Amino acid sequence: MIRLLAVDESSTCTGLAYFDGSDRPAWTRALTPAAGWPWLRRMVWIAQHLREVLALQGVTEAPDVVAMEDAVVGKFASTAISVAECRGFLLAHFASMWPDVRHVTISPAKARAAVGISAFAGRARSKDRYRQVAMYLGLPPTASEDECDAACVGLAALAKLRLERWEAKAG
């Protein structure tokens, strides 16, 4: 039974999906700070509310794994830099909360492959498929794009962890 917290990181809205031993998220949330705040204030707000959400959901122990999508340079390098900054901030935050938790990095191509689309599919097609998969997993139609993204990152992370177990058994 793997407890996994999947994160779709951003300073404008961070999506969370928590898997508690199942292939379906036990819950999802979107953490959205005020738009006019400076970057650091938004990230601190996300970190504080992350702790509150975990407590409200009854998560009292560290998950086994925290999964986050990797930052890659796509159309705009500035987007990759922004995502990388958020990733670094949240990784440091998770390390302070749970020093021994395992961190798994999921490439965007692996997240797309986990839901059955090409690594070269455009953003709009990827987001549509992520929403379809999220609905199949039981997320409500009102789930944010970031919650859907986090759920798909979680699926990709679970697949990666299963593959590692199979490879270890095969020796």
N, C-alpha and C. Protein backbone atom coordinates (compact mmCIF):
# COMPACT_ATOMS: atom_id res chain seq x y z
N MET A 1 0.85 -1.18 0.00
CA MET A 1 0.00 0.00 0.00
C MET A 1 0.89 1.24 0.00
N ILE A 2 0.85 1.99 -1.07
CA ILE A 2 1.67 3.19 -1.19
C ILE A 2 0.81 4.42 -0.96
N ARG A 3 1.27 5.25 -0.04
CA ARG A 3 0.63 6.55 0.16
C ARG A 3 1.45 7.56 -0.64
N LEU A 4 0.80 8.22 -1.59
CA LEU A 4 1.51 9.09 -2.50
C LEU A 4 0.82 10.44 -2.59
N LEU A 5 1.59 11.49 -2.46
CA LEU A 5 1.10 12.85 -2.67
C LEU A 5 1.64 13.32 -4.00
N ALA A 6 0.75 13.55 -4.96
CA ALA A 6 1.15 14.04 -6.28
C ALA A 6 0.88 15.54 -6.33
N VAL A 7 1.82 16.27 -6.91
CA VAL A 7 1.76 17.73 -6.91
C VAL A 7 1.95 18.27 -8.32
N ASP A 8 1.04 19.14 -8.72
CA ASP A 8 1.21 19.93 -9.95
C ASP A 8 1.58 21.33 -9.49
N GLU A 9 2.87 21.64 -9.56
CA GLU A 9 3.38 22.85 -8.93
C GLU A 9 3.24 24.09 -9.80
N SER A 10 2.89 25.18 -9.14
CA SER A 10 2.80 26.50 -9.77
C SER A 10 2.64 27.51 -8.65
N SER A 11 3.08 28.72 -8.89
CA SER A 11 2.89 29.75 -7.86
C SER A 11 1.51 30.38 -7.94
N THR A 12 0.78 30.11 -9.01
CA THR A 12 -0.57 30.69 -9.14
C THR A 12 -1.65 29.71 -8.70
N CYS A 13 -1.42 28.42 -8.88
CA CYS A 13 -2.35 27.39 -8.39
C CYS A 13 -1.61 26.06 -8.37
N THR A 14 -1.48 25.50 -7.20
CA THR A 14 -0.81 24.21 -7.04
C THR A 14 -1.88 23.14 -6.82
N GLY A 15 -1.86 22.12 -7.66
CA GLY A 15 -2.80 21.02 -7.54
C GLY A 15 -2.21 19.89 -6.72
N LEU A 16 -3.05 19.27 -5.91
CA LEU A 16 -2.66 18.13 -5.08
C LEU A 16 -3.59 16.95 -5.35
N ALA A 17 -3.03 15.77 -5.35
CA ALA A 17 -3.83 14.54 -5.42
C ALA A 17 -3.19 13.55 -4.46
N TYR A 18 -3.97 13.02 -3.52
CA TYR A 18 -3.44 12.09 -2.52
C TYR A 18 -3.98 10.70 -2.79
N PHE A 19 -3.07 9.76 -2.98
CA PHE A 19 -3.40 8.37 -3.21
C PHE A 19 -3.07 7.59 -1.94
N ASP A 20 -4.06 6.90 -1.41
CA ASP A 20 -3.87 6.17 -0.16
C ASP A 20 -3.99 4.66 -0.39
N GLY A 21 -3.05 4.15 -1.22
CA GLY A 21 -3.03 2.72 -1.48
C GLY A 21 -3.91 2.28 -2.64
N SER A 22 -4.49 3.23 -3.36
CA SER A 22 -5.37 2.92 -4.47
C SER A 22 -4.87 3.64 -5.72
N ASP A 23 -5.39 3.19 -6.89
CA ASP A 23 -5.08 3.89 -8.13
C ASP A 23 -5.98 5.10 -8.34
N ARG A 24 -6.89 5.31 -7.43
CA ARG A 24 -7.78 6.48 -7.49
C ARG A 24 -7.42 7.41 -6.34
N PRO A 25 -7.37 8.70 -6.62
CA PRO A 25 -7.04 9.63 -5.53
C PRO A 25 -8.11 9.59 -4.43
N ALA A 26 -7.64 9.59 -3.19
CA ALA A 26 -8.56 9.67 -2.05
C ALA A 26 -9.17 11.07 -1.99
N TRP A 27 -8.38 12.07 -2.39
CA TRP A 27 -8.85 13.46 -2.44
C TRP A 27 -7.91 14.28 -3.31
N THR A 28 -8.42 15.40 -3.76
CA THR A 28 -7.62 16.37 -4.51
C THR A 28 -7.96 17.76 -4.00
N ARG A 29 -7.03 18.67 -4.19
CA ARG A 29 -7.26 20.08 -3.82
C ARG A 29 -6.44 20.96 -4.75
N ALA A 30 -6.91 22.18 -4.89
CA ALA A 30 -6.16 23.22 -5.60
C ALA A 30 -5.89 24.33 -4.61
N LEU A 31 -4.66 24.72 -4.48
CA LEU A 31 -4.25 25.80 -3.59
C LEU A 31 -3.97 27.03 -4.45
N THR A 32 -4.82 28.04 -4.31
CA THR A 32 -4.75 29.21 -5.19
C THR A 32 -4.60 30.48 -4.35
N PRO A 33 -3.39 31.01 -4.25
CA PRO A 33 -3.18 32.26 -3.51
C PRO A 33 -3.68 33.46 -4.32
N ALA A 34 -3.74 34.61 -3.68
CA ALA A 34 -4.18 35.83 -4.34
C ALA A 34 -3.25 36.17 -5.52
N ALA A 35 -3.84 36.54 -6.63
CA ALA A 35 -3.08 36.77 -7.86
C ALA A 35 -2.11 37.95 -7.76
N GLY A 36 -2.43 38.95 -7.01
CA GLY A 36 -1.60 40.15 -6.97
C GLY A 36 -0.39 40.06 -6.05
N TRP A 37 -0.27 38.97 -5.33
CA TRP A 37 0.84 38.84 -4.39
C TRP A 37 2.15 38.57 -5.11
N PRO A 38 3.27 38.99 -4.49
CA PRO A 38 4.58 38.62 -5.04
C PRO A 38 4.79 37.11 -4.95
N TRP A 39 5.71 36.61 -5.77
CA TRP A 39 5.96 35.17 -5.87
C TRP A 39 6.20 34.51 -4.51
N LEU A 40 7.11 35.07 -3.71
CA LEU A 40 7.45 34.43 -2.44
C LEU A 40 6.25 34.37 -1.50
N ARG A 41 5.47 35.42 -1.45
CA ARG A 41 4.28 35.40 -0.58
C ARG A 41 3.30 34.33 -1.04
N ARG A 42 3.13 34.17 -2.37
CA ARG A 42 2.24 33.11 -2.88
C ARG A 42 2.75 31.74 -2.47
N MET A 43 4.07 31.51 -2.60
CA MET A 43 4.62 30.20 -2.27
C MET A 43 4.52 29.90 -0.78
N VAL A 44 4.74 30.90 0.05
CA VAL A 44 4.58 30.71 1.50
C VAL A 44 3.13 30.39 1.83
N TRP A 45 2.20 31.07 1.17
CA TRP A 45 0.77 30.80 1.38
C TRP A 45 0.45 29.36 0.98
N ILE A 46 0.97 28.93 -0.17
CA ILE A 46 0.73 27.55 -0.62
C ILE A 46 1.28 26.56 0.41
N ALA A 47 2.49 26.80 0.89
CA ALA A 47 3.10 25.90 1.88
C ALA A 47 2.27 25.84 3.16
N GLN A 48 1.81 26.98 3.64
CA GLN A 48 1.00 27.00 4.85
C GLN A 48 -0.32 26.27 4.65
N HIS A 49 -0.98 26.53 3.53
CA HIS A 49 -2.26 25.89 3.28
C HIS A 49 -2.12 24.41 2.96
N LEU A 50 -0.99 24.02 2.43
CA LEU A 50 -0.72 22.60 2.21
C LEU A 50 -0.78 21.85 3.54
N ARG A 51 -0.13 22.40 4.54
CA ARG A 51 -0.16 21.76 5.87
C ARG A 51 -1.59 21.69 6.41
N GLU A 52 -2.37 22.76 6.21
CA GLU A 52 -3.76 22.78 6.69
C GLU A 52 -4.61 21.73 5.97
N VAL A 53 -4.45 21.63 4.66
CA VAL A 53 -5.21 20.65 3.88
C VAL A 53 -4.88 19.24 4.34
N LEU A 54 -3.60 18.96 4.51
CA LEU A 54 -3.20 17.62 4.98
C LEU A 54 -3.83 17.31 6.33
N ALA A 55 -3.81 18.27 7.24
CA ALA A 55 -4.41 18.06 8.56
C ALA A 55 -5.91 17.84 8.45
N LEU A 56 -6.59 18.65 7.64
CA LEU A 56 -8.04 18.51 7.47
C LEU A 56 -8.41 17.17 6.85
N GLN A 57 -7.54 16.63 6.02
CA GLN A 57 -7.79 15.33 5.38
C GLN A 57 -7.34 14.16 6.25
N GLY A 58 -6.82 14.45 7.44
CA GLY A 58 -6.41 13.39 8.35
C GLY A 58 -5.07 12.77 8.03
N VAL A 59 -4.28 13.43 7.22
CA VAL A 59 -2.94 12.92 6.89
C VAL A 59 -2.00 13.35 8.02
N THR A 60 -1.73 12.42 8.92
CA THR A 60 -0.91 12.73 10.10
C THR A 60 0.52 12.23 9.95
N GLU A 61 0.74 11.32 9.02
CA GLU A 61 2.08 10.78 8.79
C GLU A 61 2.53 11.15 7.38
N ALA A 62 3.82 11.13 7.20
CA ALA A 62 4.38 11.42 5.87
C ALA A 62 3.90 10.39 4.87
N PRO A 63 3.62 10.83 3.64
CA PRO A 63 3.34 9.83 2.61
C PRO A 63 4.62 9.05 2.33
N ASP A 64 4.49 7.94 1.65
CA ASP A 64 5.68 7.17 1.26
C ASP A 64 6.45 7.89 0.15
N VAL A 65 5.70 8.60 -0.69
CA VAL A 65 6.29 9.23 -1.87
C VAL A 65 5.61 10.57 -2.13
N VAL A 66 6.41 11.54 -2.54
CA VAL A 66 5.89 12.79 -3.09
C VAL A 66 6.32 12.81 -4.55
N ALA A 67 5.36 12.95 -5.45
CA ALA A 67 5.64 12.97 -6.89
C ALA A 67 5.36 14.35 -7.45
N MET A 68 6.30 14.84 -8.25
CA MET A 68 6.13 16.13 -8.90
C MET A 68 6.59 16.02 -10.34
N GLU A 69 5.92 16.79 -11.21
CA GLU A 69 6.31 16.81 -12.60
C GLU A 69 7.59 17.62 -12.75
N ASP A 70 8.45 17.17 -13.63
CA ASP A 70 9.71 17.85 -13.89
C ASP A 70 9.47 19.13 -14.69
N ALA A 71 10.35 20.09 -14.51
CA ALA A 71 10.30 21.32 -15.30
C ALA A 71 11.10 21.10 -16.58
N VAL A 72 10.47 21.34 -17.72
CA VAL A 72 11.16 21.20 -18.99
C VAL A 72 10.94 22.46 -19.81
N VAL A 73 11.88 22.74 -20.68
CA VAL A 73 11.75 23.91 -21.55
C VAL A 73 10.90 23.51 -22.74
N GLY A 74 9.78 24.17 -22.86
CA GLY A 74 8.89 23.94 -24.00
C GLY A 74 8.89 25.17 -24.87
N LYS A 75 7.73 25.74 -25.02
CA LYS A 75 7.59 26.91 -25.88
C LYS A 75 8.29 28.14 -25.29
N PHE A 76 8.20 28.28 -23.97
CA PHE A 76 8.77 29.46 -23.32
C PHE A 76 9.72 29.03 -22.21
N ALA A 77 10.96 29.44 -22.29
CA ALA A 77 11.95 29.12 -21.26
C ALA A 77 11.56 29.73 -19.93
N SER A 78 10.92 30.89 -19.95
CA SER A 78 10.53 31.55 -18.69
C SER A 78 9.55 30.70 -17.90
N THR A 79 8.69 29.94 -18.59
CA THR A 79 7.75 29.05 -17.89
C THR A 79 8.51 27.94 -17.18
N ALA A 80 9.50 27.37 -17.85
CA ALA A 80 10.31 26.31 -17.24
C ALA A 80 11.05 26.83 -16.01
N ILE A 81 11.55 28.04 -16.09
CA ILE A 81 12.26 28.62 -14.95
C ILE A 81 11.30 28.83 -13.79
N SER A 82 10.13 29.35 -14.07
CA SER A 82 9.13 29.58 -13.03
C SER A 82 8.71 28.27 -12.36
N VAL A 83 8.46 27.24 -13.17
CA VAL A 83 8.08 25.94 -12.62
C VAL A 83 9.23 25.36 -11.79
N ALA A 84 10.45 25.51 -12.28
CA ALA A 84 11.61 25.00 -11.54
C ALA A 84 11.76 25.71 -10.19
N GLU A 85 11.51 27.01 -10.15
CA GLU A 85 11.56 27.74 -8.88
C GLU A 85 10.51 27.22 -7.91
N CYS A 86 9.30 27.02 -8.40
CA CYS A 86 8.22 26.49 -7.55
C CYS A 86 8.57 25.09 -7.06
N ARG A 87 9.09 24.28 -7.97
CA ARG A 87 9.49 22.91 -7.64
C ARG A 87 10.53 22.90 -6.53
N GLY A 88 11.55 23.75 -6.68
CA GLY A 88 12.59 23.83 -5.66
C GLY A 88 12.05 24.28 -4.32
N PHE A 89 11.19 25.28 -4.32
CA PHE A 89 10.59 25.76 -3.07
C PHE A 89 9.80 24.64 -2.40
N LEU A 90 8.95 23.96 -3.17
CA LEU A 90 8.12 22.91 -2.59
C LEU A 90 8.94 21.70 -2.16
N LEU A 91 9.97 21.35 -2.92
CA LEU A 91 10.84 20.24 -2.49
C LEU A 91 11.51 20.56 -1.16
N ALA A 92 11.97 21.79 -1.00
CA ALA A 92 12.57 22.20 0.27
C ALA A 92 11.53 22.15 1.39
N HIS A 93 10.32 22.57 1.07
CA HIS A 93 9.24 22.54 2.07
C HIS A 93 8.93 21.09 2.48
N PHE A 94 8.81 20.21 1.49
CA PHE A 94 8.54 18.80 1.81
C PHE A 94 9.69 18.19 2.62
N ALA A 95 10.91 18.55 2.30
CA ALA A 95 12.07 18.03 3.04
C ALA A 95 12.04 18.51 4.49
N SER A 96 11.54 19.72 4.72
CA SER A 96 11.45 20.20 6.11
C SER A 96 10.31 19.52 6.86
N MET A 97 9.23 19.19 6.15
CA MET A 97 8.10 18.50 6.78
C MET A 97 8.40 17.03 7.02
N TRP A 98 8.97 16.40 5.99
CA TRP A 98 9.20 14.95 6.00
C TRP A 98 10.61 14.67 5.49
N PRO A 99 11.61 14.73 6.35
CA PRO A 99 13.01 14.59 5.89
C PRO A 99 13.31 13.28 5.15
N ASP A 100 12.58 12.22 5.45
CA ASP A 100 12.91 10.92 4.87
C ASP A 100 11.99 10.50 3.73
N VAL A 101 11.08 11.36 3.31
CA VAL A 101 10.14 10.98 2.26
C VAL A 101 10.87 10.86 0.92
N ARG A 102 10.44 9.91 0.12
CA ARG A 102 11.03 9.72 -1.20
C ARG A 102 10.37 10.69 -2.19
N HIS A 103 11.19 11.31 -3.01
CA HIS A 103 10.70 12.21 -4.04
C HIS A 103 10.85 11.53 -5.40
N VAL A 104 9.79 11.56 -6.18
CA VAL A 104 9.81 10.97 -7.52
C VAL A 104 9.51 12.08 -8.52
N THR A 105 10.36 12.17 -9.52
CA THR A 105 10.19 13.17 -10.57
C THR A 105 9.58 12.49 -11.79
N ILE A 106 8.52 13.09 -12.30
CA ILE A 106 7.82 12.56 -13.47
C ILE A 106 7.99 13.55 -14.62
N SER A 107 8.50 13.07 -15.73
CA SER A 107 8.63 13.94 -16.89
C SER A 107 7.24 14.17 -17.49
N PRO A 108 7.02 15.32 -18.11
CA PRO A 108 5.72 15.53 -18.76
C PRO A 108 5.39 14.43 -19.77
N ALA A 109 6.40 13.92 -20.47
CA ALA A 109 6.17 12.83 -21.43
C ALA A 109 5.64 11.58 -20.74
N LYS A 110 6.17 11.27 -19.56
CA LYS A 110 5.70 10.09 -18.81
C LYS A 110 4.28 10.31 -18.29
N ALA A 111 3.97 11.53 -17.86
CA ALA A 111 2.61 11.83 -17.40
C ALA A 111 1.63 11.65 -18.55
N ARG A 112 2.01 12.11 -19.74
CA ARG A 112 1.14 11.96 -20.90
C ARG A 112 1.00 10.49 -21.28
N ALA A 113 2.11 9.76 -21.26
CA ALA A 113 2.06 8.34 -21.60
C ALA A 113 1.18 7.56 -20.63
N ALA A 114 1.17 7.95 -19.37
CA ALA A 114 0.36 7.26 -18.36
C ALA A 114 -1.13 7.36 -18.65
N VAL A 115 -1.52 8.37 -19.41
CA VAL A 115 -2.93 8.53 -19.75
C VAL A 115 -3.19 8.26 -21.23
N GLY A 116 -2.18 7.67 -21.89
CA GLY A 116 -2.38 7.17 -23.24
C GLY A 116 -2.29 8.16 -24.37
N ILE A 117 -1.50 9.23 -24.21
CA ILE A 117 -1.33 10.15 -25.33
C ILE A 117 0.14 10.35 -25.63
N SER A 118 0.41 10.82 -26.81
CA SER A 118 1.78 11.01 -27.28
C SER A 118 2.49 12.09 -26.48
N ALA A 119 3.78 11.90 -26.32
CA ALA A 119 4.60 12.92 -25.67
C ALA A 119 4.59 14.22 -26.45
N PHE A 120 4.22 14.14 -27.72
CA PHE A 120 4.23 15.32 -28.57
C PHE A 120 2.85 15.96 -28.71
N ALA A 121 1.88 15.44 -27.96
CA ALA A 121 0.54 16.03 -28.01
C ALA A 121 0.61 17.45 -27.47
N GLY A 122 -0.15 18.31 -28.03
CA GLY A 122 -0.16 19.70 -27.58
C GLY A 122 -0.76 19.86 -26.20
N ARG A 123 -0.58 21.05 -25.65
CA ARG A 123 -1.06 21.33 -24.30
C ARG A 123 -2.58 21.15 -24.18
N ALA A 124 -3.32 21.68 -25.15
CA ALA A 124 -4.78 21.59 -25.09
C ALA A 124 -5.25 20.14 -25.11
N ARG A 125 -4.65 19.33 -25.97
CA ARG A 125 -5.02 17.91 -26.05
C ARG A 125 -4.67 17.19 -24.75
N SER A 126 -3.51 17.51 -24.20
CA SER A 126 -3.09 16.89 -22.93
C SER A 126 -4.05 17.25 -21.82
N LYS A 127 -4.41 18.53 -21.72
CA LYS A 127 -5.31 18.97 -20.65
C LYS A 127 -6.68 18.34 -20.79
N ASP A 128 -7.17 18.18 -22.02
CA ASP A 128 -8.46 17.51 -22.24
C ASP A 128 -8.39 16.06 -21.76
N ARG A 129 -7.30 15.36 -22.11
CA ARG A 129 -7.18 13.96 -21.70
C ARG A 129 -7.02 13.86 -20.19
N TYR A 130 -6.24 14.75 -19.58
CA TYR A 130 -6.08 14.73 -18.13
C TYR A 130 -7.45 14.88 -17.45
N ARG A 131 -8.29 15.77 -17.97
CA ARG A 131 -9.62 15.96 -17.39
C ARG A 131 -10.46 14.69 -17.57
N GLN A 132 -10.41 14.07 -18.75
CA GLN A 132 -11.16 12.84 -18.99
C GLN A 132 -10.74 11.75 -18.00
N VAL A 133 -9.44 11.59 -17.84
CA VAL A 133 -8.93 10.56 -16.93
C VAL A 133 -9.33 10.89 -15.50
N ALA A 134 -9.23 12.15 -15.12
CA ALA A 134 -9.60 12.56 -13.76
C ALA A 134 -11.07 12.25 -13.48
N MET A 135 -11.94 12.48 -14.44
CA MET A 135 -13.36 12.16 -14.27
C MET A 135 -13.55 10.65 -14.11
N TYR A 136 -12.82 9.88 -14.90
CA TYR A 136 -12.86 8.43 -14.79
C TYR A 136 -12.41 7.98 -13.40
N LEU A 137 -11.42 8.68 -12.84
CA LEU A 137 -10.91 8.34 -11.51
C LEU A 137 -11.86 8.78 -10.39
N GLY A 138 -12.90 9.51 -10.74
CA GLY A 138 -13.88 9.89 -9.73
C GLY A 138 -13.80 11.33 -9.27
N LEU A 139 -12.95 12.13 -9.88
CA LEU A 139 -12.92 13.54 -9.52
C LEU A 139 -14.20 14.20 -10.01
N PRO A 140 -14.69 15.18 -9.28
CA PRO A 140 -15.94 15.83 -9.70
C PRO A 140 -15.71 16.70 -10.93
N PRO A 141 -16.76 16.99 -11.69
CA PRO A 141 -16.62 17.86 -12.88
C PRO A 141 -16.08 19.24 -12.53
N THR A 142 -16.20 19.64 -11.28
CA THR A 142 -15.71 20.95 -10.84
C THR A 142 -14.22 20.95 -10.49
N ALA A 143 -13.56 19.79 -10.60
CA ALA A 143 -12.13 19.72 -10.27
C ALA A 143 -11.36 20.67 -11.17
N SER A 144 -10.39 21.36 -10.58
CA SER A 144 -9.59 22.32 -11.35
C SER A 144 -8.64 21.58 -12.29
N GLU A 145 -8.13 22.33 -13.26
CA GLU A 145 -7.13 21.79 -14.18
C GLU A 145 -5.92 21.27 -13.40
N ASP A 146 -5.55 21.99 -12.34
CA ASP A 146 -4.37 21.61 -11.56
C ASP A 146 -4.62 20.33 -10.76
N GLU A 147 -5.84 20.13 -10.27
CA GLU A 147 -6.16 18.88 -9.58
C GLU A 147 -6.11 17.71 -10.57
N CYS A 148 -6.65 17.91 -11.77
CA CYS A 148 -6.61 16.87 -12.81
C CYS A 148 -5.17 16.54 -13.18
N ASP A 149 -4.35 17.57 -13.33
CA ASP A 149 -2.93 17.37 -13.66
C ASP A 149 -2.23 16.57 -12.56
N ALA A 150 -2.50 16.95 -11.30
CA ALA A 150 -1.86 16.25 -10.17
C ALA A 150 -2.29 14.78 -10.14
N ALA A 151 -3.56 14.50 -10.43
CA ALA A 151 -4.03 13.11 -10.45
C ALA A 151 -3.29 12.31 -11.51
N CYS A 152 -3.05 12.91 -12.67
CA CYS A 152 -2.34 12.19 -13.75
C CYS A 152 -0.86 12.03 -13.43
N VAL A 153 -0.26 13.02 -12.77
CA VAL A 153 1.13 12.87 -12.30
C VAL A 153 1.19 11.72 -11.30
N GLY A 154 0.18 11.62 -10.44
CA GLY A 154 0.13 10.52 -9.48
C GLY A 154 0.04 9.17 -10.16
N LEU A 155 -0.79 9.07 -11.20
CA LEU A 155 -0.89 7.80 -11.94
C LEU A 155 0.45 7.42 -12.56
N ALA A 156 1.14 8.40 -13.14
CA ALA A 156 2.44 8.13 -13.74
C ALA A 156 3.45 7.70 -12.68
N ALA A 157 3.39 8.33 -11.51
CA ALA A 157 4.31 7.96 -10.43
C ALA A 157 4.03 6.54 -9.93
N LEU A 158 2.76 6.20 -9.78
CA LEU A 158 2.42 4.83 -9.35
C LEU A 158 2.91 3.81 -10.37
N ALA A 159 2.79 4.12 -11.66
CA ALA A 159 3.28 3.21 -12.70
C ALA A 159 4.79 3.07 -12.61
N LYS A 160 5.48 4.16 -12.38
CA LYS A 160 6.94 4.13 -12.25
C LYS A 160 7.36 3.28 -11.04
N LEU A 161 6.66 3.43 -9.93
CA LEU A 161 6.98 2.66 -8.73
C LEU A 161 6.71 1.17 -8.94
N ARG A 162 5.62 0.83 -9.63
CA ARG A 162 5.34 -0.58 -9.93
C ARG A 162 6.44 -1.18 -10.81
N LEU A 163 6.85 -0.44 -11.82
CA LEU A 163 7.91 -0.92 -12.71
C LEU A 163 9.19 -1.16 -11.92
N GLU A 164 9.53 -0.27 -11.01
CA GLU A 164 10.73 -0.46 -10.18
C GLU A 164 10.62 -1.74 -9.35
N ARG A 165 9.42 -1.99 -8.79
CA ARG A 165 9.23 -3.22 -7.99
C ARG A 165 9.39 -4.45 -8.85
N TRP A 166 8.79 -4.44 -10.05
CA TRP A 166 8.91 -5.59 -10.96
C TRP A 166 10.35 -5.82 -11.38
N GLU A 167 11.06 -4.76 -11.68
CA GLU A 167 12.46 -4.88 -12.08
C GLU A 167 13.30 -5.42 -10.93
N ALA A 168 13.01 -5.01 -9.71
CA ALA A 168 13.75 -5.50 -8.54
C ALA A 168 13.48 -6.98 -8.32
N LYS A 169 12.24 -7.41 -8.53
CA LYS A 169 11.90 -8.83 -8.38
C LYS A 169 12.58 -9.67 -9.46
N ALA A 170 12.68 -9.10 -10.65
CA ALA A 170 13.30 -9.83 -11.77
C ALA A 170 14.80 -9.97 -11.59
N GLY A 171 15.35 -9.06 -10.75
CA GLY A 171 16.75 -9.14 -10.39
C GLY A 171 17.66 -8.77 -11.47
